[in-house]
Amino acid sequence: MICAVVPAAGLSSRMGVQKLLLPFGGKTVIAHIVDQLLASTVNEVHVVVGHQAEHISVELSGRAVSIVKNPNYKSGMLSSIRCGLASLPKNCRTVLVALGDQPSITTGLIDRMLQSFVTTEKSILVPLYKGKRGHPILFSSHYRDEILTHYGDIGLRGLLHSHSDDVFELEVPTASVLCDMDYLEDYRRELGFNEQNIE
């Protein structure tokens, strides 16, 4: 089973508004990324909420997702990833961590990553664009306990560093894997990406 964890609990303090509820492609940012995941070969999607949890939960109502509450969301993204990992079923074999503020990630890219993960002998996969690593990140669920107890200071980068021999870098043709949304100009850039994809 392939499970996706979507950290969607942050304060959006640099944006000044709840960025996940901003309009994007006729939906909201969080609804768009969740719909991309649901249309992929991922089996389950777990969305971790914290700040404005009710609003985000309502936005995703009617979708086949599990909502996971992170009471410690102010402590950073890793706490949300850990909440998501703890909520996954025992028969989950592969985990995709997809950022809630990366709406230009497409179903096609997700499926390509999943297909490559099946064929590689490595147990961690990261997308690579022009030599730079990005998100989403795929890894075997046998790292779950390690992430739950380690890397509190640096997050998933710690996993990549500790198991560098187990990392497969998948070259992708899009800069979207490097782009999340922290500031208003980032949001405008993502809207521009979306318009280009529609055209």
N, C-alpha and C. Protein backbone atom coordinates (compact mmCIF):
# COMPACT_ATOMS: atom_id res chain seq x y z
N MET A 1 0.83 -1.20 0.00
CA MET A 1 0.00 0.00 0.00
C MET A 1 0.87 1.25 0.00
N ILE A 2 0.48 2.22 -0.78
CA ILE A 2 1.19 3.50 -0.88
C ILE A 2 0.35 4.57 -0.19
N CYS A 3 0.96 5.25 0.77
CA CYS A 3 0.24 6.28 1.52
C CYS A 3 0.94 7.63 1.39
N ALA A 4 0.14 8.67 1.24
CA ALA A 4 0.68 10.03 1.18
C ALA A 4 0.40 10.76 2.48
N VAL A 5 1.40 11.48 2.96
CA VAL A 5 1.25 12.36 4.12
C VAL A 5 1.40 13.79 3.63
N VAL A 6 0.40 14.62 3.92
CA VAL A 6 0.42 16.01 3.48
C VAL A 6 0.45 16.92 4.71
N PRO A 7 1.61 17.51 5.04
CA PRO A 7 1.65 18.46 6.15
C PRO A 7 0.91 19.74 5.75
N ALA A 8 -0.16 20.05 6.50
CA ALA A 8 -1.00 21.22 6.18
C ALA A 8 -1.38 21.93 7.46
N ALA A 9 -0.42 22.02 8.38
CA ALA A 9 -0.73 22.51 9.73
C ALA A 9 -0.07 23.84 10.06
N GLY A 10 0.76 24.37 9.16
CA GLY A 10 1.58 25.53 9.48
C GLY A 10 0.81 26.82 9.68
N LEU A 11 1.51 27.81 10.23
CA LEU A 11 0.89 29.09 10.58
C LEU A 11 0.75 30.04 9.40
N SER A 12 1.47 29.77 8.31
CA SER A 12 1.48 30.68 7.15
C SER A 12 1.87 32.10 7.55
N SER A 13 2.75 32.22 8.54
CA SER A 13 3.08 33.53 9.10
C SER A 13 3.77 34.45 8.10
N ARG A 14 4.58 33.89 7.21
CA ARG A 14 5.28 34.74 6.24
C ARG A 14 4.35 35.22 5.13
N MET A 15 3.30 34.44 4.86
CA MET A 15 2.34 34.83 3.83
C MET A 15 1.37 35.89 4.36
N GLY A 16 1.07 35.82 5.65
CA GLY A 16 0.16 36.80 6.24
C GLY A 16 -1.29 36.37 6.22
N VAL A 17 -1.62 35.35 5.40
CA VAL A 17 -2.96 34.75 5.35
C VAL A 17 -2.77 33.23 5.27
N GLN A 18 -3.85 32.48 5.49
CA GLN A 18 -3.76 31.03 5.39
C GLN A 18 -3.56 30.65 3.92
N LYS A 19 -2.31 30.34 3.57
CA LYS A 19 -1.96 30.14 2.16
C LYS A 19 -2.65 28.93 1.54
N LEU A 20 -2.95 27.93 2.36
CA LEU A 20 -3.54 26.72 1.81
C LEU A 20 -4.99 26.92 1.37
N LEU A 21 -5.60 28.03 1.81
CA LEU A 21 -6.98 28.32 1.43
C LEU A 21 -7.07 29.37 0.33
N LEU A 22 -5.93 29.79 -0.20
CA LEU A 22 -5.94 30.73 -1.32
C LEU A 22 -6.47 30.04 -2.57
N PRO A 23 -7.13 30.79 -3.47
CA PRO A 23 -7.67 30.16 -4.68
C PRO A 23 -6.57 29.70 -5.63
N PHE A 24 -6.82 28.54 -6.25
CA PHE A 24 -5.84 27.99 -7.19
C PHE A 24 -6.57 27.03 -8.14
N GLY A 25 -6.58 27.36 -9.41
CA GLY A 25 -7.16 26.49 -10.42
C GLY A 25 -8.63 26.17 -10.18
N GLY A 26 -9.37 27.16 -9.70
CA GLY A 26 -10.80 26.94 -9.46
C GLY A 26 -11.09 26.27 -8.13
N LYS A 27 -10.04 25.98 -7.35
CA LYS A 27 -10.20 25.36 -6.03
C LYS A 27 -9.37 26.18 -5.04
N THR A 28 -9.04 25.58 -3.93
CA THR A 28 -8.04 26.17 -3.04
C THR A 28 -6.73 25.41 -3.23
N VAL A 29 -5.65 25.98 -2.73
CA VAL A 29 -4.33 25.36 -2.85
C VAL A 29 -4.36 23.94 -2.29
N ILE A 30 -4.88 23.77 -1.07
CA ILE A 30 -4.85 22.45 -0.44
C ILE A 30 -5.75 21.47 -1.18
N ALA A 31 -6.92 21.92 -1.65
CA ALA A 31 -7.81 21.02 -2.40
C ALA A 31 -7.15 20.58 -3.70
N HIS A 32 -6.42 21.49 -4.34
CA HIS A 32 -5.77 21.17 -5.61
C HIS A 32 -4.72 20.08 -5.43
N ILE A 33 -3.84 20.24 -4.45
CA ILE A 33 -2.77 19.25 -4.27
C ILE A 33 -3.36 17.91 -3.83
N VAL A 34 -4.39 17.95 -2.98
CA VAL A 34 -5.02 16.70 -2.54
C VAL A 34 -5.67 15.99 -3.72
N ASP A 35 -6.31 16.74 -4.60
CA ASP A 35 -6.94 16.12 -5.78
C ASP A 35 -5.91 15.51 -6.72
N GLN A 36 -4.74 16.12 -6.83
CA GLN A 36 -3.67 15.54 -7.64
C GLN A 36 -3.25 14.19 -7.05
N LEU A 37 -3.16 14.12 -5.74
CA LEU A 37 -2.78 12.87 -5.07
C LEU A 37 -3.87 11.81 -5.23
N LEU A 38 -5.12 12.22 -5.07
CA LEU A 38 -6.22 11.26 -5.17
C LEU A 38 -6.35 10.69 -6.59
N ALA A 39 -5.94 11.46 -7.58
CA ALA A 39 -6.01 10.99 -8.96
C ALA A 39 -4.82 10.12 -9.33
N SER A 40 -3.84 10.02 -8.46
CA SER A 40 -2.64 9.23 -8.72
C SER A 40 -2.83 7.80 -8.24
N THR A 41 -1.76 7.01 -8.30
CA THR A 41 -1.82 5.62 -7.84
C THR A 41 -1.59 5.48 -6.34
N VAL A 42 -1.54 6.59 -5.62
CA VAL A 42 -1.48 6.56 -4.16
C VAL A 42 -2.77 5.92 -3.64
N ASN A 43 -2.66 5.07 -2.62
CA ASN A 43 -3.84 4.38 -2.09
C ASN A 43 -4.58 5.16 -1.00
N GLU A 44 -3.83 5.85 -0.16
CA GLU A 44 -4.45 6.61 0.92
C GLU A 44 -3.76 7.96 1.05
N VAL A 45 -4.55 8.99 1.41
CA VAL A 45 -4.02 10.33 1.62
C VAL A 45 -4.37 10.77 3.04
N HIS A 46 -3.34 11.13 3.81
CA HIS A 46 -3.52 11.59 5.18
C HIS A 46 -3.06 13.05 5.26
N VAL A 47 -3.99 13.94 5.58
CA VAL A 47 -3.70 15.38 5.64
C VAL A 47 -3.60 15.78 7.11
N VAL A 48 -2.46 16.36 7.48
CA VAL A 48 -2.22 16.73 8.87
C VAL A 48 -2.54 18.22 9.05
N VAL A 49 -3.48 18.51 9.94
CA VAL A 49 -3.95 19.89 10.14
C VAL A 49 -3.57 20.39 11.53
N GLY A 50 -3.50 21.71 11.64
CA GLY A 50 -3.18 22.35 12.92
C GLY A 50 -3.77 23.74 12.95
N HIS A 51 -3.03 24.72 12.41
CA HIS A 51 -3.54 26.09 12.30
C HIS A 51 -4.76 26.13 11.38
N GLN A 52 -5.84 26.74 11.87
CA GLN A 52 -7.11 26.80 11.12
C GLN A 52 -7.54 25.41 10.64
N ALA A 53 -7.42 24.45 11.55
CA ALA A 53 -7.72 23.06 11.21
C ALA A 53 -9.16 22.88 10.71
N GLU A 54 -10.10 23.57 11.35
CA GLU A 54 -11.50 23.42 10.95
C GLU A 54 -11.72 23.86 9.52
N HIS A 55 -11.15 25.01 9.15
CA HIS A 55 -11.34 25.54 7.80
C HIS A 55 -10.78 24.58 6.75
N ILE A 56 -9.60 24.05 7.02
CA ILE A 56 -8.98 23.13 6.05
C ILE A 56 -9.76 21.82 5.99
N SER A 57 -10.22 21.34 7.13
CA SER A 57 -11.00 20.10 7.16
C SER A 57 -12.29 20.26 6.37
N VAL A 58 -12.96 21.41 6.54
CA VAL A 58 -14.19 21.67 5.80
C VAL A 58 -13.90 21.74 4.30
N GLU A 59 -12.80 22.35 3.94
CA GLU A 59 -12.42 22.49 2.53
C GLU A 59 -12.25 21.12 1.88
N LEU A 60 -11.82 20.13 2.66
CA LEU A 60 -11.55 18.81 2.11
C LEU A 60 -12.69 17.82 2.34
N SER A 61 -13.78 18.30 2.92
CA SER A 61 -14.91 17.40 3.19
C SER A 61 -15.46 16.84 1.87
N GLY A 62 -15.85 15.59 1.91
CA GLY A 62 -16.33 14.93 0.69
C GLY A 62 -15.23 14.25 -0.09
N ARG A 63 -13.98 14.49 0.27
CA ARG A 63 -12.86 13.81 -0.38
C ARG A 63 -12.41 12.62 0.46
N ALA A 64 -11.92 11.61 -0.22
CA ALA A 64 -11.51 10.36 0.47
C ALA A 64 -10.13 10.53 1.10
N VAL A 65 -10.07 11.37 2.13
CA VAL A 65 -8.81 11.62 2.83
C VAL A 65 -9.02 11.40 4.33
N SER A 66 -7.94 11.09 5.02
CA SER A 66 -7.96 11.02 6.48
C SER A 66 -7.40 12.33 7.03
N ILE A 67 -8.13 12.95 7.92
CA ILE A 67 -7.68 14.19 8.55
C ILE A 67 -7.03 13.84 9.88
N VAL A 68 -5.79 14.27 10.06
CA VAL A 68 -5.03 13.98 11.27
C VAL A 68 -4.72 15.31 11.97
N LYS A 69 -5.04 15.43 13.24
CA LYS A 69 -4.79 16.68 13.96
C LYS A 69 -3.44 16.63 14.66
N ASN A 70 -2.68 17.70 14.50
CA ASN A 70 -1.38 17.84 15.15
C ASN A 70 -1.49 18.90 16.24
N PRO A 71 -1.58 18.50 17.50
CA PRO A 71 -1.70 19.48 18.58
C PRO A 71 -0.44 20.32 18.79
N ASN A 72 0.69 19.83 18.26
CA ASN A 72 1.97 20.53 18.46
C ASN A 72 2.46 21.17 17.16
N TYR A 73 1.52 21.61 16.32
CA TYR A 73 1.90 22.11 14.99
C TYR A 73 2.84 23.30 15.03
N LYS A 74 2.82 24.07 16.12
CA LYS A 74 3.69 25.24 16.19
C LYS A 74 5.16 24.87 16.30
N SER A 75 5.44 23.61 16.57
CA SER A 75 6.84 23.19 16.73
C SER A 75 7.51 22.86 15.40
N GLY A 76 6.78 22.96 14.29
CA GLY A 76 7.42 22.80 12.99
C GLY A 76 6.88 21.64 12.16
N MET A 77 7.34 21.60 10.90
CA MET A 77 6.79 20.64 9.95
C MET A 77 7.05 19.19 10.33
N LEU A 78 8.22 18.91 10.93
CA LEU A 78 8.52 17.52 11.26
C LEU A 78 7.46 16.95 12.20
N SER A 79 6.94 17.78 13.11
CA SER A 79 5.91 17.29 14.03
C SER A 79 4.68 16.85 13.26
N SER A 80 4.36 17.54 12.18
CA SER A 80 3.21 17.16 11.35
C SER A 80 3.49 15.88 10.57
N ILE A 81 4.70 15.77 10.04
CA ILE A 81 5.08 14.54 9.33
C ILE A 81 5.00 13.35 10.27
N ARG A 82 5.46 13.54 11.51
CA ARG A 82 5.41 12.45 12.49
C ARG A 82 3.97 12.06 12.81
N CYS A 83 3.09 13.06 12.95
CA CYS A 83 1.67 12.76 13.20
C CYS A 83 1.09 11.96 12.04
N GLY A 84 1.44 12.37 10.83
CA GLY A 84 0.95 11.66 9.66
C GLY A 84 1.46 10.23 9.61
N LEU A 85 2.76 10.04 9.89
CA LEU A 85 3.34 8.69 9.87
C LEU A 85 2.69 7.80 10.92
N ALA A 86 2.43 8.37 12.10
CA ALA A 86 1.83 7.60 13.18
C ALA A 86 0.41 7.15 12.84
N SER A 87 -0.24 7.88 11.93
CA SER A 87 -1.63 7.56 11.57
C SER A 87 -1.75 6.51 10.46
N LEU A 88 -0.64 6.17 9.83
CA LEU A 88 -0.70 5.28 8.66
C LEU A 88 -0.99 3.84 9.08
N PRO A 89 -1.72 3.11 8.25
CA PRO A 89 -1.99 1.70 8.56
C PRO A 89 -0.73 0.86 8.51
N LYS A 90 -0.75 -0.26 9.20
CA LYS A 90 0.44 -1.11 9.30
C LYS A 90 0.83 -1.71 7.95
N ASN A 91 -0.14 -1.85 7.05
CA ASN A 91 0.19 -2.46 5.75
C ASN A 91 0.68 -1.43 4.73
N CYS A 92 0.92 -0.20 5.18
CA CYS A 92 1.53 0.81 4.31
C CYS A 92 2.99 0.47 4.10
N ARG A 93 3.40 0.32 2.86
CA ARG A 93 4.79 -0.08 2.55
C ARG A 93 5.62 1.09 2.01
N THR A 94 4.95 2.05 1.41
CA THR A 94 5.66 3.19 0.80
C THR A 94 4.98 4.48 1.22
N VAL A 95 5.79 5.47 1.58
CA VAL A 95 5.26 6.76 2.07
C VAL A 95 5.71 7.87 1.14
N LEU A 96 4.76 8.69 0.73
CA LEU A 96 5.04 9.90 -0.04
C LEU A 96 4.73 11.10 0.84
N VAL A 97 5.71 11.95 1.09
CA VAL A 97 5.46 13.19 1.82
C VAL A 97 5.36 14.31 0.80
N ALA A 98 4.14 14.86 0.67
CA ALA A 98 3.87 15.91 -0.32
C ALA A 98 3.48 17.18 0.41
N LEU A 99 4.16 18.27 0.12
CA LEU A 99 3.89 19.52 0.82
C LEU A 99 2.53 20.09 0.42
N GLY A 100 1.81 20.61 1.41
CA GLY A 100 0.50 21.19 1.15
C GLY A 100 0.55 22.50 0.40
N ASP A 101 1.74 23.12 0.35
CA ASP A 101 1.86 24.42 -0.33
C ASP A 101 2.69 24.31 -1.61
N GLN A 102 2.56 23.19 -2.29
CA GLN A 102 3.31 22.96 -3.53
C GLN A 102 2.32 22.55 -4.63
N PRO A 103 1.40 23.45 -4.99
CA PRO A 103 0.27 23.07 -5.85
C PRO A 103 0.63 22.76 -7.30
N SER A 104 1.84 23.07 -7.74
CA SER A 104 2.20 22.78 -9.13
C SER A 104 2.65 21.33 -9.33
N ILE A 105 2.70 20.56 -8.24
CA ILE A 105 2.99 19.14 -8.36
C ILE A 105 1.79 18.45 -8.99
N THR A 106 2.02 17.65 -10.01
CA THR A 106 0.93 17.05 -10.78
C THR A 106 0.80 15.55 -10.52
N THR A 107 -0.36 15.02 -10.87
CA THR A 107 -0.58 13.58 -10.80
C THR A 107 0.45 12.83 -11.64
N GLY A 108 0.75 13.35 -12.81
CA GLY A 108 1.73 12.71 -13.69
C GLY A 108 3.09 12.58 -13.04
N LEU A 109 3.54 13.64 -12.35
CA LEU A 109 4.84 13.60 -11.67
C LEU A 109 4.80 12.59 -10.53
N ILE A 110 3.72 12.60 -9.76
CA ILE A 110 3.60 11.67 -8.63
C ILE A 110 3.67 10.24 -9.13
N ASP A 111 2.93 9.93 -10.19
CA ASP A 111 2.93 8.56 -10.72
C ASP A 111 4.29 8.18 -11.29
N ARG A 112 4.96 9.13 -11.91
CA ARG A 112 6.30 8.84 -12.44
C ARG A 112 7.26 8.50 -11.29
N MET A 113 7.16 9.25 -10.20
CA MET A 113 8.00 8.96 -9.03
C MET A 113 7.70 7.58 -8.48
N LEU A 114 6.42 7.24 -8.38
CA LEU A 114 6.04 5.94 -7.84
C LEU A 114 6.51 4.80 -8.73
N GLN A 115 6.41 4.98 -10.04
CA GLN A 115 6.87 3.95 -10.98
C GLN A 115 8.38 3.76 -10.88
N SER A 116 9.11 4.87 -10.75
CA SER A 116 10.57 4.79 -10.63
C SER A 116 10.98 4.14 -9.32
N PHE A 117 10.20 4.39 -8.28
CA PHE A 117 10.52 3.81 -6.97
C PHE A 117 10.41 2.29 -7.00
N VAL A 118 9.45 1.80 -7.77
CA VAL A 118 9.26 0.35 -7.88
C VAL A 118 10.44 -0.29 -8.60
N THR A 119 11.00 0.39 -9.57
CA THR A 119 12.06 -0.21 -10.39
C THR A 119 13.46 -0.01 -9.80
N THR A 120 13.62 1.00 -8.93
CA THR A 120 14.95 1.21 -8.35
C THR A 120 15.15 0.28 -7.16
N GLU A 121 16.40 -0.02 -6.88
CA GLU A 121 16.71 -0.85 -5.71
C GLU A 121 16.87 0.00 -4.46
N LYS A 122 16.78 1.29 -4.62
CA LYS A 122 16.93 2.20 -3.48
C LYS A 122 15.63 2.29 -2.69
N SER A 123 15.73 2.71 -1.43
CA SER A 123 14.54 2.78 -0.57
C SER A 123 14.10 4.20 -0.26
N ILE A 124 14.77 5.19 -0.87
CA ILE A 124 14.37 6.60 -0.75
C ILE A 124 14.48 7.21 -2.14
N LEU A 125 13.50 8.01 -2.53
CA LEU A 125 13.54 8.67 -3.84
C LEU A 125 13.25 10.16 -3.66
N VAL A 126 14.09 10.99 -4.29
CA VAL A 126 13.86 12.43 -4.29
C VAL A 126 13.90 12.93 -5.74
N PRO A 127 13.03 13.87 -6.09
CA PRO A 127 13.10 14.45 -7.44
C PRO A 127 14.25 15.44 -7.53
N LEU A 128 14.87 15.49 -8.68
CA LEU A 128 16.03 16.35 -8.89
C LEU A 128 15.79 17.23 -10.12
N TYR A 129 15.97 18.54 -9.95
CA TYR A 129 15.83 19.46 -11.09
C TYR A 129 17.10 20.30 -11.18
N LYS A 130 17.81 20.15 -12.29
CA LYS A 130 19.06 20.89 -12.53
C LYS A 130 20.01 20.80 -11.33
N GLY A 131 20.15 19.59 -10.82
CA GLY A 131 21.11 19.33 -9.75
C GLY A 131 20.61 19.64 -8.35
N LYS A 132 19.38 20.12 -8.22
CA LYS A 132 18.84 20.46 -6.90
C LYS A 132 17.73 19.50 -6.50
N ARG A 133 17.79 19.03 -5.28
CA ARG A 133 16.77 18.13 -4.76
C ARG A 133 15.52 18.90 -4.34
N GLY A 134 14.36 18.27 -4.54
CA GLY A 134 13.11 18.92 -4.17
C GLY A 134 12.15 17.99 -3.47
N HIS A 135 10.87 18.31 -3.57
CA HIS A 135 9.77 17.53 -2.99
C HIS A 135 8.76 17.22 -4.09
N PRO A 136 7.93 16.22 -3.90
CA PRO A 136 7.74 15.32 -2.76
C PRO A 136 8.91 14.34 -2.58
N ILE A 137 8.91 13.69 -1.41
CA ILE A 137 9.91 12.67 -1.11
C ILE A 137 9.20 11.35 -0.89
N LEU A 138 9.76 10.29 -1.45
CA LEU A 138 9.23 8.94 -1.31
C LEU A 138 10.20 8.10 -0.49
N PHE A 139 9.68 7.27 0.41
CA PHE A 139 10.58 6.38 1.13
C PHE A 139 9.82 5.16 1.63
N SER A 140 10.58 4.12 1.90
CA SER A 140 10.02 2.89 2.44
C SER A 140 9.53 3.13 3.86
N SER A 141 8.44 2.46 4.21
CA SER A 141 7.88 2.65 5.56
C SER A 141 8.78 2.07 6.64
N HIS A 142 9.82 1.33 6.27
CA HIS A 142 10.69 0.82 7.34
C HIS A 142 11.52 1.92 7.99
N TYR A 143 11.45 3.13 7.44
CA TYR A 143 12.10 4.28 8.09
C TYR A 143 11.16 5.00 9.07
N ARG A 144 9.91 4.54 9.17
CA ARG A 144 8.91 5.26 9.94
C ARG A 144 9.36 5.49 11.39
N ASP A 145 9.75 4.42 12.08
CA ASP A 145 10.13 4.57 13.49
C ASP A 145 11.35 5.48 13.67
N GLU A 146 12.25 5.40 12.71
CA GLU A 146 13.44 6.26 12.77
C GLU A 146 13.06 7.74 12.67
N ILE A 147 12.14 8.06 11.78
CA ILE A 147 11.71 9.46 11.63
C ILE A 147 10.92 9.91 12.86
N LEU A 148 10.18 9.00 13.47
CA LEU A 148 9.40 9.35 14.66
C LEU A 148 10.28 9.70 15.85
N THR A 149 11.53 9.23 15.83
CA THR A 149 12.40 9.43 17.01
C THR A 149 13.68 10.21 16.72
N HIS A 150 13.96 10.50 15.46
CA HIS A 150 15.21 11.18 15.11
C HIS A 150 14.94 12.44 14.27
N TYR A 151 16.00 13.19 14.05
CA TYR A 151 16.03 14.32 13.10
C TYR A 151 15.16 15.50 13.53
N GLY A 152 14.97 15.65 14.83
CA GLY A 152 14.15 16.76 15.32
C GLY A 152 14.69 18.12 14.97
N ASP A 153 16.01 18.22 14.73
CA ASP A 153 16.60 19.52 14.44
C ASP A 153 16.62 19.86 12.95
N ILE A 154 16.62 18.85 12.08
CA ILE A 154 16.75 19.14 10.64
C ILE A 154 15.68 18.49 9.77
N GLY A 155 14.78 17.72 10.34
CA GLY A 155 13.69 17.15 9.55
C GLY A 155 14.16 16.04 8.62
N LEU A 156 13.45 15.87 7.52
CA LEU A 156 13.72 14.74 6.61
C LEU A 156 15.08 14.84 5.93
N ARG A 157 15.68 16.02 5.93
CA ARG A 157 17.05 16.12 5.39
C ARG A 157 17.98 15.17 6.15
N GLY A 158 17.69 15.00 7.44
CA GLY A 158 18.50 14.10 8.25
C GLY A 158 18.42 12.66 7.76
N LEU A 159 17.23 12.26 7.31
CA LEU A 159 17.06 10.91 6.77
C LEU A 159 17.90 10.75 5.51
N LEU A 160 17.86 11.76 4.64
CA LEU A 160 18.63 11.69 3.39
C LEU A 160 20.13 11.64 3.67
N HIS A 161 20.58 12.39 4.66
CA HIS A 161 22.01 12.40 4.99
C HIS A 161 22.44 11.08 5.63
N SER A 162 21.60 10.57 6.53
CA SER A 162 21.96 9.34 7.24
C SER A 162 21.97 8.11 6.34
N HIS A 163 21.18 8.16 5.27
CA HIS A 163 21.06 7.00 4.38
C HIS A 163 21.36 7.42 2.93
N SER A 164 22.44 8.14 2.77
CA SER A 164 22.76 8.69 1.44
C SER A 164 22.92 7.60 0.38
N ASP A 165 23.39 6.41 0.78
CA ASP A 165 23.56 5.32 -0.19
C ASP A 165 22.23 4.72 -0.63
N ASP A 166 21.17 5.02 0.10
CA ASP A 166 19.85 4.46 -0.21
C ASP A 166 18.99 5.44 -1.01
N VAL A 167 19.55 6.59 -1.40
CA VAL A 167 18.77 7.63 -2.07
C VAL A 167 18.92 7.52 -3.58
N PHE A 168 17.78 7.48 -4.27
CA PHE A 168 17.76 7.56 -5.73
C PHE A 168 17.26 8.94 -6.13
N GLU A 169 18.02 9.62 -6.96
CA GLU A 169 17.64 10.95 -7.44
C GLU A 169 16.99 10.82 -8.82
N LEU A 170 15.73 11.18 -8.90
CA LEU A 170 15.00 11.09 -10.17
C LEU A 170 15.00 12.45 -10.86
N GLU A 171 15.66 12.51 -12.01
CA GLU A 171 15.69 13.78 -12.75
C GLU A 171 14.32 14.06 -13.34
N VAL A 172 13.83 15.29 -13.10
CA VAL A 172 12.51 15.68 -13.61
C VAL A 172 12.65 16.95 -14.44
N PRO A 173 11.73 17.19 -15.36
CA PRO A 173 11.86 18.33 -16.27
C PRO A 173 11.21 19.62 -15.76
N THR A 174 10.74 19.63 -14.53
CA THR A 174 10.00 20.79 -14.04
C THR A 174 10.58 21.33 -12.75
N ALA A 175 10.64 22.66 -12.65
CA ALA A 175 11.14 23.32 -11.44
C ALA A 175 10.13 23.30 -10.31
N SER A 176 8.93 22.78 -10.58
CA SER A 176 7.89 22.78 -9.54
C SER A 176 8.30 22.00 -8.30
N VAL A 177 9.22 21.05 -8.46
CA VAL A 177 9.64 20.26 -7.29
C VAL A 177 10.48 21.08 -6.32
N LEU A 178 10.97 22.22 -6.77
CA LEU A 178 11.79 23.09 -5.91
C LEU A 178 10.97 24.20 -5.27
N CYS A 179 9.72 24.36 -5.69
CA CYS A 179 8.96 25.57 -5.36
C CYS A 179 7.82 25.29 -4.39
N ASP A 180 7.92 25.91 -3.19
CA ASP A 180 6.76 25.93 -2.31
C ASP A 180 6.35 27.39 -2.14
N MET A 181 5.37 27.65 -1.31
CA MET A 181 4.81 29.00 -1.19
C MET A 181 4.99 29.52 0.24
N ASP A 182 5.91 30.46 0.40
CA ASP A 182 6.06 31.11 1.70
C ASP A 182 5.60 32.56 1.67
N TYR A 183 5.79 33.21 0.51
CA TYR A 183 5.48 34.63 0.38
C TYR A 183 4.49 34.86 -0.77
N LEU A 184 3.93 36.06 -0.80
CA LEU A 184 2.93 36.39 -1.81
C LEU A 184 3.50 36.23 -3.22
N GLU A 185 4.76 36.59 -3.42
CA GLU A 185 5.35 36.45 -4.75
C GLU A 185 5.46 34.98 -5.16
N ASP A 186 5.63 34.09 -4.15
CA ASP A 186 5.66 32.65 -4.45
C ASP A 186 4.29 32.19 -4.95
N TYR A 187 3.25 32.68 -4.32
CA TYR A 187 1.88 32.34 -4.74
C TYR A 187 1.63 32.81 -6.17
N ARG A 188 2.05 34.04 -6.46
CA ARG A 188 1.87 34.56 -7.82
C ARG A 188 2.62 33.70 -8.84
N ARG A 189 3.81 33.26 -8.47
CA ARG A 189 4.60 32.40 -9.36
C ARG A 189 3.86 31.08 -9.61
N GLU A 190 3.28 30.48 -8.57
CA GLU A 190 2.56 29.22 -8.72
C GLU A 190 1.33 29.40 -9.60
N LEU A 191 0.66 30.53 -9.47
CA LEU A 191 -0.48 30.82 -10.35
C LEU A 191 -0.03 30.89 -11.80
N GLY A 192 1.14 31.47 -12.03
CA GLY A 192 1.70 31.56 -13.38
C GLY A 192 2.02 30.19 -13.94
N PHE A 193 2.61 29.29 -13.10
CA PHE A 193 2.87 27.91 -13.51
C PHE A 193 1.58 27.24 -13.95
N ASN A 194 0.53 27.43 -13.16
CA ASN A 194 -0.74 26.77 -13.43
C ASN A 194 -1.34 27.25 -14.75
N GLU A 195 -1.25 28.57 -14.99
CA GLU A 195 -1.78 29.11 -16.23
C GLU A 195 -1.05 28.54 -17.44
N GLN A 196 0.28 28.37 -17.30
CA GLN A 196 1.07 27.80 -18.41
C GLN A 196 0.66 26.35 -18.67
N ASN A 197 0.40 25.59 -17.57
CA ASN A 197 0.01 24.18 -17.72
C ASN A 197 -1.35 24.06 -18.39
N ILE A 198 -2.26 25.01 -18.08
CA ILE A 198 -3.59 24.98 -18.68
C ILE A 198 -3.50 25.26 -20.17
N GLU A 199 -2.65 26.22 -20.54
CA GLU A 199 -2.47 26.56 -21.95
C GLU A 199 -1.80 25.41 -22.69
